[in-house]
Amino acid sequence: MRAATIEKTAKLFNTGGSQAVRLPAEFRFAGAEVFIRRDERTGGVVLTPKERKTWASFVKLREQLRADLAREGIEGFMRERGQPAGAARRDPFEGWKE
């Protein structure tokens, strides 16, 4: 179970033809740009740091997710997927051309 987060308030203001958000100091981003998207389920706006991802960051995230699943008691999720008996192994690169 994830710890509860405390919500903060940010100020909105208009500048030119755009709306801007003044973020509290603890939410500041490094750099000059962020990715922005709208969550289709909630309608909320999500800002994400615009940084180059590395394999090391992917492995770290994977380990964090594994730890989260273990804490929630579902660490074996999808380990045994119940493939049909006699199902042939597929080549993930079949048909791929460079």
C-alpha atoms as a PDB file:
ATOM      1  CA  MET A   1       0.000   0.000   0.000  1.00  0.00           C
ATOM      2  CA  ARG A   2       1.414   3.373  -0.964  1.00  0.00           C
ATOM      3  CA  ALA A   3       1.841   6.109   1.584  1.00  0.00           C
ATOM      4  CA  ALA A   4      -0.681   8.926   1.415  1.00  0.00           C
ATOM      5  CA  THR A   5       0.568  12.049  -0.292  1.00  0.00           C
ATOM      6  CA  ILE A   6      -0.112  15.552   0.944  1.00  0.00           C
ATOM      7  CA  GLU A   7      -1.539  17.820  -1.723  1.00  0.00           C
ATOM      8  CA  LYS A   8      -0.099  21.283  -2.190  1.00  0.00           C
ATOM      9  CA  THR A   9      -1.591  24.256  -4.008  1.00  0.00           C
ATOM     10  CA  ALA A  10       0.022  26.009  -6.970  1.00  0.00           C
ATOM     11  CA  LYS A  11      -0.916  29.418  -8.348  1.00  0.00           C
ATOM     12  CA  LEU A  12      -2.209  29.851 -11.898  1.00  0.00           C
ATOM     13  CA  PHE A  13      -1.617  32.997 -13.943  1.00  0.00           C
ATOM     14  CA  ASN A  14      -1.899  34.156 -17.537  1.00  0.00           C
ATOM     15  CA  THR A  15       1.075  35.263 -19.566  1.00  0.00           C
ATOM     16  CA  GLY A  16       0.514  36.270 -23.168  1.00  0.00           C
ATOM     17  CA  GLY A  17      -1.978  33.796 -24.624  1.00  0.00           C
ATOM     18  CA  SER A  18      -0.962  30.962 -22.303  1.00  0.00           C
ATOM     19  CA  GLN A  19      -1.769  29.874 -18.781  1.00  0.00           C
ATOM     20  CA  ALA A  20       1.167  29.171 -16.468  1.00  0.00           C
ATOM     21  CA  VAL A  21       1.565  27.432 -13.115  1.00  0.00           C
ATOM     22  CA  ARG A  22       3.820  28.707 -10.344  1.00  0.00           C
ATOM     23  CA  LEU A  23       5.107  25.546  -8.684  1.00  0.00           C
ATOM     24  CA  PRO A  24       6.157  25.430  -5.033  1.00  0.00           C
ATOM     25  CA  ALA A  25       9.944  25.071  -4.638  1.00  0.00           C
ATOM     26  CA  GLU A  26       9.810  21.352  -3.751  1.00  0.00           C
ATOM     27  CA  PHE A  27       8.159  20.584  -7.122  1.00  0.00           C
ATOM     28  CA  ARG A  28      10.665  22.429  -9.334  1.00  0.00           C
ATOM     29  CA  PHE A  29      11.986  20.697 -12.440  1.00  0.00           C
ATOM     30  CA  ALA A  30      15.540  20.750 -13.752  1.00  0.00           C
ATOM     31  CA  GLY A  31      15.883  22.067 -17.300  1.00  0.00           C
ATOM     32  CA  ALA A  32      13.657  24.318 -19.376  1.00  0.00           C
ATOM     33  CA  GLU A  33      10.937  21.902 -20.582  1.00  0.00           C
ATOM     34  CA  VAL A  34       8.666  19.142 -19.280  1.00  0.00           C
ATOM     35  CA  PHE A  35       6.402  16.628 -20.963  1.00  0.00           C
ATOM     36  CA  ILE A  36       2.687  17.258 -20.402  1.00  0.00           C
ATOM     37  CA  ARG A  37      -0.270  14.919 -20.873  1.00  0.00           C
ATOM     38  CA  ARG A  38      -3.842  14.546 -19.714  1.00  0.00           C
ATOM     39  CA  ASP A  39      -4.811  11.384 -17.835  1.00  0.00           C
ATOM     40  CA  GLU A  40      -7.732   9.938 -19.815  1.00  0.00           C
ATOM     41  CA  ARG A  41      -9.360   8.376 -16.751  1.00  0.00           C
ATOM     42  CA  THR A  42      -9.217  11.313 -14.363  1.00  0.00           C
ATOM     43  CA  GLY A  43      -8.813  14.294 -16.688  1.00  0.00           C
ATOM     44  CA  GLY A  44      -5.868  15.424 -14.541  1.00  0.00           C
ATOM     45  CA  VAL A  45      -2.828  17.064 -16.083  1.00  0.00           C
ATOM     46  CA  VAL A  46       0.507  15.290 -15.543  1.00  0.00           C
ATOM     47  CA  LEU A  47       3.919  16.962 -15.867  1.00  0.00           C
ATOM     48  CA  THR A  48       6.977  14.733 -16.283  1.00  0.00           C
ATOM     49  CA  PRO A  49      10.649  15.700 -16.418  1.00  0.00           C
ATOM     50  CA  LYS A  50      11.953  15.834 -19.964  1.00  0.00           C
ATOM     51  CA  GLU A  51      15.126  13.887 -19.479  1.00  0.00           C
ATOM     52  CA  ARG A  52      16.949  11.303 -21.499  1.00  0.00           C
ATOM     53  CA  LYS A  53      16.136   7.825 -20.193  1.00  0.00           C
ATOM     54  CA  THR A  54      18.901   5.279 -19.785  1.00  0.00           C
ATOM     55  CA  TRP A  55      18.920   1.514 -19.430  1.00  0.00           C
ATOM     56  CA  ALA A  56      20.144   2.025 -15.876  1.00  0.00           C
ATOM     57  CA  SER A  57      17.055   4.137 -15.081  1.00  0.00           C
ATOM     58  CA  PHE A  58      14.836   1.449 -16.647  1.00  0.00           C
ATOM     59  CA  VAL A  59      16.442  -1.295 -14.513  1.00  0.00           C
ATOM     60  CA  LYS A  60      16.049   0.871 -11.396  1.00  0.00           C
ATOM     61  CA  LEU A  61      12.352   1.450 -12.172  1.00  0.00           C
ATOM     62  CA  ARG A  62      11.840  -2.276 -12.809  1.00  0.00           C
ATOM     63  CA  GLU A  63      13.328  -3.102  -9.404  1.00  0.00           C
ATOM     64  CA  GLN A  64      11.144  -0.459  -7.722  1.00  0.00           C
ATOM     65  CA  LEU A  65       8.051  -1.950  -9.370  1.00  0.00           C
ATOM     66  CA  ARG A  66       9.060  -5.462  -8.289  1.00  0.00           C
ATOM     67  CA  ALA A  67       9.436  -4.222  -4.721  1.00  0.00           C
ATOM     68  CA  ASP A  68       5.993  -2.547  -4.915  1.00  0.00           C
ATOM     69  CA  LEU A  69       4.421  -5.800  -6.153  1.00  0.00           C
ATOM     70  CA  ALA A  70       6.128  -7.773  -3.387  1.00  0.00           C
ATOM     71  CA  ARG A  71       4.813  -5.314  -0.764  1.00  0.00           C
ATOM     72  CA  GLU A  72       1.315  -5.765  -2.185  1.00  0.00           C
ATOM     73  CA  GLY A  73       1.682  -9.557  -2.120  1.00  0.00           C
ATOM     74  CA  ILE A  74       1.527 -10.103  -5.879  1.00  0.00           C
ATOM     75  CA  GLU A  75       5.208 -10.517  -6.735  1.00  0.00           C
ATOM     76  CA  GLY A  76       4.537 -13.617  -8.867  1.00  0.00           C
ATOM     77  CA  PHE A  77       2.125 -11.765 -11.160  1.00  0.00           C
ATOM     78  CA  MET A  78       2.348 -13.158 -14.716  1.00  0.00           C
ATOM     79  CA  ARG A  79       5.237 -15.482 -13.808  1.00  0.00           C
ATOM     80  CA  GLU A  80       3.245 -18.484 -14.976  1.00  0.00           C
ATOM     81  CA  ARG A  81       1.101 -17.270 -17.862  1.00  0.00           C
ATOM     82  CA  GLY A  82      -0.520 -20.588 -18.731  1.00  0.00           C
ATOM     83  CA  GLN A  83       0.547 -20.788 -22.369  1.00  0.00           C
ATOM     84  CA  PRO A  84      -1.361 -23.422 -24.341  1.00  0.00           C
ATOM     85  CA  ALA A  85       0.312 -26.834 -24.352  1.00  0.00           C
ATOM     86  CA  GLY A  86       2.523 -27.300 -27.391  1.00  0.00           C
ATOM     87  CA  ALA A  87       2.544 -23.593 -28.237  1.00  0.00           C
ATOM     88  CA  ALA A  88       5.524 -22.832 -30.427  1.00  0.00           C
ATOM     89  CA  ARG A  89       8.044 -20.264 -29.216  1.00  0.00           C
ATOM     90  CA  ARG A  90       7.810 -17.121 -31.293  1.00  0.00           C
ATOM     91  CA  ASP A  91      10.750 -15.176 -32.653  1.00  0.00           C
ATOM     92  CA  PRO A  92      10.221 -11.569 -31.470  1.00  0.00           C
ATOM     93  CA  PHE A  93      12.243 -10.304 -34.440  1.00  0.00           C
ATOM     94  CA  GLU A  94      10.408 -12.289 -37.112  1.00  0.00           C
ATOM     95  CA  GLY A  95       9.676 -10.039 -40.077  1.00  0.00           C
ATOM     96  CA  TRP A  96      11.768  -7.172 -38.716  1.00  0.00           C
ATOM     97  CA  LYS A  97      13.820  -5.258 -41.262  1.00  0.00           C
ATOM     98  CA  GLU A  98      16.408  -2.596 -40.620  1.00  0.00           C
END
